[in-house]
Amino acid sequence: MSDGERDYQVDPGELRVAGGNVADAVGPADGVDLVTSGENAYGVGDVHAGLARFCATWTIAIGALSARADSAAAALVAAADTYDAQEAEAARSVTSVAGG
């Protein structure tokens, strides 16, 4: 097999499992809320202000990373669906050409 030709073996079931694993991995982060409403939740004065900013920033980052992970999981499942559809179409083509 030349460098331009690769033999990729794809198992759609494995893609679906991988998509589920991504969702499972980031699921616990969905409920994380680092921002609290308590005035002195992180201490007082500058310490409180600095930690509150830090937590607010990471709450936004968690949301963004979670959304990207959800998108990746959906893409893996969609790829599995595409492989299944292509395999079914190929089987129909072979059957119709072979006269069966």
C-alpha atoms as a PDB file:
ATOM      1  CA  MET A   1       0.000   0.000   0.000  1.00  0.00           C
ATOM      2  CA  SER A   2       1.458   3.353  -1.004  1.00  0.00           C
ATOM      3  CA  ASP A   3       1.619   6.430   1.221  1.00  0.00           C
ATOM      4  CA  GLY A   4      -1.391   7.838  -0.623  1.00  0.00           C
ATOM      5  CA  GLU A   5      -3.472   4.750   0.087  1.00  0.00           C
ATOM      6  CA  ARG A   6      -4.343   3.970   3.663  1.00  0.00           C
ATOM      7  CA  ASP A   7      -6.504   1.138   4.899  1.00  0.00           C
ATOM      8  CA  TYR A   8      -8.687   2.717   7.542  1.00  0.00           C
ATOM      9  CA  GLN A   9     -10.838   0.349   9.516  1.00  0.00           C
ATOM     10  CA  VAL A  10     -13.697   2.183  11.177  1.00  0.00           C
ATOM     11  CA  ASP A  11     -16.113   0.622  13.611  1.00  0.00           C
ATOM     12  CA  PRO A  12     -19.191   2.866  13.881  1.00  0.00           C
ATOM     13  CA  GLY A  13     -20.031   1.290  17.236  1.00  0.00           C
ATOM     14  CA  GLU A  14     -16.659   2.373  18.595  1.00  0.00           C
ATOM     15  CA  LEU A  15     -17.266   5.922  17.367  1.00  0.00           C
ATOM     16  CA  ARG A  16     -20.573   5.956  19.241  1.00  0.00           C
ATOM     17  CA  VAL A  17     -18.879   4.639  22.382  1.00  0.00           C
ATOM     18  CA  ALA A  18     -16.197   7.335  22.075  1.00  0.00           C
ATOM     19  CA  GLY A  19     -18.888   9.995  21.696  1.00  0.00           C
ATOM     20  CA  GLY A  20     -20.598   8.718  24.816  1.00  0.00           C
ATOM     21  CA  ASN A  21     -17.302   8.662  26.699  1.00  0.00           C
ATOM     22  CA  VAL A  22     -16.652  12.304  25.824  1.00  0.00           C
ATOM     23  CA  ALA A  23     -20.087  13.254  27.101  1.00  0.00           C
ATOM     24  CA  ASP A  24     -19.582  11.198  30.270  1.00  0.00           C
ATOM     25  CA  ALA A  25     -16.202  12.802  30.914  1.00  0.00           C
ATOM     26  CA  VAL A  26     -17.452  16.369  30.809  1.00  0.00           C
ATOM     27  CA  GLY A  27     -20.886  15.741  32.292  1.00  0.00           C
ATOM     28  CA  PRO A  28     -19.811  16.404  35.888  1.00  0.00           C
ATOM     29  CA  ALA A  29     -18.468  19.823  34.875  1.00  0.00           C
ATOM     30  CA  ASP A  30     -21.909  20.934  33.686  1.00  0.00           C
ATOM     31  CA  GLY A  31     -23.135  21.457  37.247  1.00  0.00           C
ATOM     32  CA  VAL A  32     -20.047  23.252  38.515  1.00  0.00           C
ATOM     33  CA  ASP A  33     -20.646  26.814  39.621  1.00  0.00           C
ATOM     34  CA  LEU A  34     -17.566  28.423  41.079  1.00  0.00           C
ATOM     35  CA  VAL A  35     -19.275  31.762  41.595  1.00  0.00           C
ATOM     36  CA  THR A  36     -21.005  32.128  44.942  1.00  0.00           C
ATOM     37  CA  SER A  37     -23.254  34.872  46.124  1.00  0.00           C
ATOM     38  CA  GLY A  38     -21.746  35.104  49.609  1.00  0.00           C
ATOM     39  CA  GLU A  39     -20.073  38.417  50.309  1.00  0.00           C
ATOM     40  CA  ASN A  40     -17.134  36.802  52.103  1.00  0.00           C
ATOM     41  CA  ALA A  41     -17.164  33.436  50.355  1.00  0.00           C
ATOM     42  CA  TYR A  42     -13.492  33.774  49.417  1.00  0.00           C
ATOM     43  CA  GLY A  43     -12.213  35.927  52.223  1.00  0.00           C
ATOM     44  CA  VAL A  44     -12.309  39.694  52.372  1.00  0.00           C
ATOM     45  CA  GLY A  45     -11.033  42.620  50.356  1.00  0.00           C
ATOM     46  CA  ASP A  46      -8.523  41.972  47.607  1.00  0.00           C
ATOM     47  CA  VAL A  47      -8.407  38.233  48.311  1.00  0.00           C
ATOM     48  CA  HIS A  48     -12.154  37.975  47.824  1.00  0.00           C
ATOM     49  CA  ALA A  49     -12.103  40.108  44.652  1.00  0.00           C
ATOM     50  CA  GLY A  50      -9.218  38.150  43.106  1.00  0.00           C
ATOM     51  CA  LEU A  51     -10.683  34.736  43.821  1.00  0.00           C
ATOM     52  CA  ALA A  52     -14.134  35.823  42.698  1.00  0.00           C
ATOM     53  CA  ARG A  53     -12.688  36.978  39.340  1.00  0.00           C
ATOM     54  CA  PHE A  54     -10.736  33.742  39.026  1.00  0.00           C
ATOM     55  CA  CYS A  55     -13.846  31.660  39.690  1.00  0.00           C
ATOM     56  CA  ALA A  56     -15.984  33.699  37.313  1.00  0.00           C
ATOM     57  CA  THR A  57     -13.405  33.254  34.546  1.00  0.00           C
ATOM     58  CA  TRP A  58     -13.204  29.496  35.084  1.00  0.00           C
ATOM     59  CA  THR A  59     -16.980  29.155  35.176  1.00  0.00           C
ATOM     60  CA  ILE A  60     -17.059  30.658  31.670  1.00  0.00           C
ATOM     61  CA  ALA A  61     -14.166  28.432  30.568  1.00  0.00           C
ATOM     62  CA  ILE A  62     -15.915  25.307  31.858  1.00  0.00           C
ATOM     63  CA  GLY A  63     -18.994  26.222  29.840  1.00  0.00           C
ATOM     64  CA  ALA A  64     -16.955  26.742  26.675  1.00  0.00           C
ATOM     65  CA  LEU A  65     -15.009  23.505  27.080  1.00  0.00           C
ATOM     66  CA  SER A  66     -18.194  21.603  27.832  1.00  0.00           C
ATOM     67  CA  ALA A  67     -19.842  22.972  24.687  1.00  0.00           C
ATOM     68  CA  ARG A  68     -16.825  21.958  22.581  1.00  0.00           C
ATOM     69  CA  ALA A  69     -16.838  18.480  24.097  1.00  0.00           C
ATOM     70  CA  ASP A  70     -20.561  18.141  23.364  1.00  0.00           C
ATOM     71  CA  SER A  71     -19.882  19.182  19.774  1.00  0.00           C
ATOM     72  CA  ALA A  72     -17.060  16.633  19.445  1.00  0.00           C
ATOM     73  CA  ALA A  73     -19.271  13.875  20.850  1.00  0.00           C
ATOM     74  CA  ALA A  74     -22.040  14.754  18.403  1.00  0.00           C
ATOM     75  CA  ALA A  75     -19.544  14.733  15.519  1.00  0.00           C
ATOM     76  CA  LEU A  76     -18.354  11.234  16.443  1.00  0.00           C
ATOM     77  CA  VAL A  77     -21.923   9.940  16.515  1.00  0.00           C
ATOM     78  CA  ALA A  78     -22.714  11.676  13.213  1.00  0.00           C
ATOM     79  CA  ALA A  79     -19.619  10.093  11.647  1.00  0.00           C
ATOM     80  CA  ALA A  80     -20.793   6.670  12.834  1.00  0.00           C
ATOM     81  CA  ASP A  81     -24.213   7.311  11.298  1.00  0.00           C
ATOM     82  CA  THR A  82     -22.556   8.323   8.017  1.00  0.00           C
ATOM     83  CA  TYR A  83     -20.450   5.156   7.945  1.00  0.00           C
ATOM     84  CA  ASP A  84     -23.558   3.040   8.571  1.00  0.00           C
ATOM     85  CA  ALA A  85     -25.496   4.845   5.839  1.00  0.00           C
ATOM     86  CA  GLN A  86     -22.628   4.443   3.346  1.00  0.00           C
ATOM     87  CA  GLU A  87     -22.297   0.746   4.154  1.00  0.00           C
ATOM     88  CA  ALA A  88     -26.030   0.249   3.639  1.00  0.00           C
ATOM     89  CA  GLU A  89     -25.911   2.138   0.334  1.00  0.00           C
ATOM     90  CA  ALA A  90     -22.917   0.093  -0.830  1.00  0.00           C
ATOM     91  CA  ALA A  91     -24.742  -3.132   0.045  1.00  0.00           C
ATOM     92  CA  ARG A  92     -27.826  -1.982  -1.896  1.00  0.00           C
ATOM     93  CA  SER A  93     -25.650  -1.052  -4.898  1.00  0.00           C
ATOM     94  CA  VAL A  94     -23.915  -4.416  -4.957  1.00  0.00           C
ATOM     95  CA  THR A  95     -27.241  -6.232  -4.635  1.00  0.00           C
ATOM     96  CA  SER A  96     -28.855  -4.250  -7.458  1.00  0.00           C
ATOM     97  CA  VAL A  97     -25.829  -4.644  -9.784  1.00  0.00           C
ATOM     98  CA  ALA A  98     -25.603  -8.373  -9.029  1.00  0.00           C
ATOM     99  CA  GLY A  99     -29.279  -8.739  -9.821  1.00  0.00           C
ATOM    100  CA  GLY A 100     -30.222  -9.907  -6.354  1.00  0.00           C
END
